[in-house]
Structures are given as C-alpha cells and as structure tokens.
Amino acid sequence: MVVVVMVAKLGSAVVLVAVMDVVAIQKTAAPSL
C-alpha cells in the first residue's frame, strides 16, 4: 500500500512539472499569441 501511495505522489508530481513546462514553453515560444 505504501508503495502505491509513493508511486501515485511521484506520478502526480511528474504531471504537475510537465504541465508547468508546457505552460512556460507556450509563454516563451509564442508571446505574440
């Protein structure tokens, strides 16, 4: 059970970082939009 919770937290953290990266790329790559 503990391993499942750790994997879930790690997955959510990876998703959060990925979303932040996408937002940052969109803001820097397409400022004209």
PDB file of N, CA and C in Angstrom:
ATOM      1  N   MET A   1       0.834  -1.203   0.000  1.00  0.00           N
ATOM      2  CA  MET A   1       0.000   0.000   0.000  1.00  0.00           C
ATOM      3  C   MET A   1       0.870   1.255   0.000  1.00  0.00           C
ATOM      4  N   VAL A   2       1.924   1.241   0.807  1.00  0.00           N
ATOM      5  CA  VAL A   2       2.792   2.420   0.887  1.00  0.00           C
ATOM      6  C   VAL A   2       3.442   2.690  -0.461  1.00  0.00           C
ATOM      7  N   VAL A   3       3.837   1.612  -1.146  1.00  0.00           N
ATOM      8  CA  VAL A   3       4.474   1.783  -2.460  1.00  0.00           C
ATOM      9  C   VAL A   3       3.491   2.418  -3.438  1.00  0.00           C
ATOM     10  N   VAL A   4       2.239   2.002  -3.377  1.00  0.00           N
ATOM     11  CA  VAL A   4       1.225   2.563  -4.283  1.00  0.00           C
ATOM     12  C   VAL A   4       1.067   4.060  -4.035  1.00  0.00           C
ATOM     13  N   VAL A   5       1.050   4.451  -2.770  1.00  0.00           N
ATOM     14  CA  VAL A   5       0.900   5.875  -2.443  1.00  0.00           C
ATOM     15  C   VAL A   5       2.106   6.660  -2.943  1.00  0.00           C
ATOM     16  N   MET A   6       3.295   6.092  -2.771  1.00  0.00           N
ATOM     17  CA  MET A   6       4.509   6.785  -3.219  1.00  0.00           C
ATOM     18  C   MET A   6       4.500   6.947  -4.734  1.00  0.00           C
ATOM     19  N   VAL A   7       4.093   5.885  -5.439  1.00  0.00           N
ATOM     20  CA  VAL A   7       4.041   5.953  -6.905  1.00  0.00           C
ATOM     21  C   VAL A   7       3.005   6.983  -7.345  1.00  0.00           C
ATOM     22  N   ALA A   8       1.881   7.033  -6.654  1.00  0.00           N
ATOM     23  CA  ALA A   8       0.831   7.989  -7.016  1.00  0.00           C
ATOM     24  C   ALA A   8       1.326   9.420  -6.816  1.00  0.00           C
ATOM     25  N   LYS A   9       2.014   9.661  -5.698  1.00  0.00           N
ATOM     26  CA  LYS A   9       2.539  11.008  -5.442  1.00  0.00           C
ATOM     27  C   LYS A   9       3.592  11.380  -6.477  1.00  0.00           C
ATOM     28  N   LEU A  10       4.459  10.433  -6.803  1.00  0.00           N
ATOM     29  CA  LEU A  10       5.504  10.703  -7.788  1.00  0.00           C
ATOM     30  C   LEU A  10       4.882  10.998  -9.146  1.00  0.00           C
ATOM     31  N   GLY A  11       3.867  10.228  -9.527  1.00  0.00           N
ATOM     32  CA  GLY A  11       3.198  10.434 -10.814  1.00  0.00           C
ATOM     33  C   GLY A  11       2.540  11.803 -10.870  1.00  0.00           C
ATOM     34  N   SER A  12       1.866  12.188  -9.789  1.00  0.00           N
ATOM     35  CA  SER A  12       1.192  13.485  -9.782  1.00  0.00           C
ATOM     36  C   SER A  12       2.215  14.612  -9.855  1.00  0.00           C
ATOM     37  N   ALA A  13       3.358  14.432  -9.210  1.00  0.00           N
ATOM     38  CA  ALA A  13       4.406  15.453  -9.249  1.00  0.00           C
ATOM     39  C   ALA A  13       4.959  15.585 -10.662  1.00  0.00           C
ATOM     40  N   VAL A  14       5.151  14.441 -11.332  1.00  0.00           N
ATOM     41  CA  VAL A  14       5.670  14.469 -12.705  1.00  0.00           C
ATOM     42  C   VAL A  14       4.673  15.168 -13.619  1.00  0.00           C
ATOM     43  N   VAL A  15       3.392  14.874 -13.441  1.00  0.00           N
ATOM     44  CA  VAL A  15       2.362  15.518 -14.270  1.00  0.00           C
ATOM     45  C   VAL A  15       2.356  17.025 -14.027  1.00  0.00           C
ATOM     46  N   LEU A  16       2.480  17.432 -12.767  1.00  0.00           N
ATOM     47  CA  LEU A  16       2.468  18.858 -12.439  1.00  0.00           C
ATOM     48  C   LEU A  16       3.649  19.572 -13.088  1.00  0.00           C
ATOM     49  N   VAL A  17       4.825  18.958 -13.009  1.00  0.00           N
ATOM     50  CA  VAL A  17       6.019  19.556 -13.618  1.00  0.00           C
ATOM     51  C   VAL A  17       5.851  19.627 -15.131  1.00  0.00           C
ATOM     52  N   ALA A  18       5.273  18.590 -15.727  1.00  0.00           N
ATOM     53  CA  ALA A  18       5.082  18.575 -17.182  1.00  0.00           C
ATOM     54  C   ALA A  18       4.137  19.695 -17.599  1.00  0.00           C
ATOM     55  N   VAL A  19       3.066  19.889 -16.845  1.00  0.00           N
ATOM     56  CA  VAL A  19       2.110  20.955 -17.173  1.00  0.00           C
ATOM     57  C   VAL A  19       2.788  22.319 -17.062  1.00  0.00           C
ATOM     58  N   MET A  20       3.578  22.509 -16.011  1.00  0.00           N
ATOM     59  CA  MET A  20       4.274  23.789 -15.832  1.00  0.00           C
ATOM     60  C   MET A  20       5.259  24.031 -16.975  1.00  0.00           C
ATOM     61  N   ASP A  21       5.942  22.959 -17.406  1.00  0.00           N
ATOM     62  CA  ASP A  21       6.889  23.100 -18.516  1.00  0.00           C
ATOM     63  C   ASP A  21       6.150  23.503 -19.788  1.00  0.00           C
ATOM     64  N   VAL A  22       5.016  22.877 -20.050  1.00  0.00           N
ATOM     65  CA  VAL A  22       4.249  23.195 -21.264  1.00  0.00           C
ATOM     66  C   VAL A  22       3.790  24.645 -21.228  1.00  0.00           C
ATOM     67  N   VAL A  23       3.316  25.098 -20.081  1.00  0.00           N
ATOM     68  CA  VAL A  23       2.848  26.488 -19.965  1.00  0.00           C
ATOM     69  C   VAL A  23       4.008  27.453 -20.187  1.00  0.00           C
ATOM     70  N   ALA A  24       5.161  27.137 -19.607  1.00  0.00           N
ATOM     71  CA  ALA A  24       6.321  28.016 -19.759  1.00  0.00           C
ATOM     72  C   ALA A  24       6.770  28.059 -21.212  1.00  0.00           C
ATOM     73  N   ILE A  25       6.771  26.911 -21.879  1.00  0.00           N
ATOM     74  CA  ILE A  25       7.188  26.864 -23.288  1.00  0.00           C
ATOM     75  C   ILE A  25       6.220  27.683 -24.138  1.00  0.00           C
ATOM     76  N   GLN A  26       4.928  27.556 -23.865  1.00  0.00           N
ATOM     77  CA  GLN A  26       3.945  28.302 -24.651  1.00  0.00           C
ATOM     78  C   GLN A  26       4.122  29.806 -24.435  1.00  0.00           C
ATOM     79  N   LYS A  27       4.419  30.212 -23.204  1.00  0.00           N
ATOM     80  CA  LYS A  27       4.569  31.643 -22.918  1.00  0.00           C
ATOM     81  C   LYS A  27       5.823  32.203 -23.573  1.00  0.00           C
ATOM     82  N   THR A  28       6.903  31.403 -23.636  1.00  0.00           N
ATOM     83  CA  THR A  28       8.165  31.910 -24.165  1.00  0.00           C
ATOM     84  C   THR A  28       8.248  31.751 -25.680  1.00  0.00           C
ATOM     85  N   ALA A  29       7.629  30.695 -26.215  1.00  0.00           N
ATOM     86  CA  ALA A  29       7.768  30.406 -27.646  1.00  0.00           C
ATOM     87  C   ALA A  29       6.749  31.195 -28.464  1.00  0.00           C
ATOM     88  N   ALA A  30       5.599  31.514 -27.867  1.00  0.00           N
ATOM     89  CA  ALA A  30       4.559  32.207 -28.631  1.00  0.00           C
ATOM     90  C   ALA A  30       4.061  33.435 -27.867  1.00  0.00           C
ATOM     91  N   PRO A  31       4.911  34.438 -27.668  1.00  0.00           N
ATOM     92  CA  PRO A  31       4.472  35.638 -26.947  1.00  0.00           C
ATOM     93  C   PRO A  31       3.529  36.496 -27.779  1.00  0.00           C
ATOM     94  N   SER A  32       3.589  36.340 -29.111  1.00  0.00           N
ATOM     95  CA  SER A  32       2.743  37.149 -29.979  1.00  0.00           C
ATOM     96  C   SER A  32       1.287  36.719 -29.875  1.00  0.00           C
ATOM     97  N   LEU A  33       1.052  35.450 -29.451  1.00  0.00           N
ATOM     98  CA  LEU A  33      -0.325  34.987 -29.336  1.00  0.00           C
ATOM     99  C   LEU A  33      -0.939  35.518 -28.040  1.00  0.00           C
TER     100      LEU A  33
END
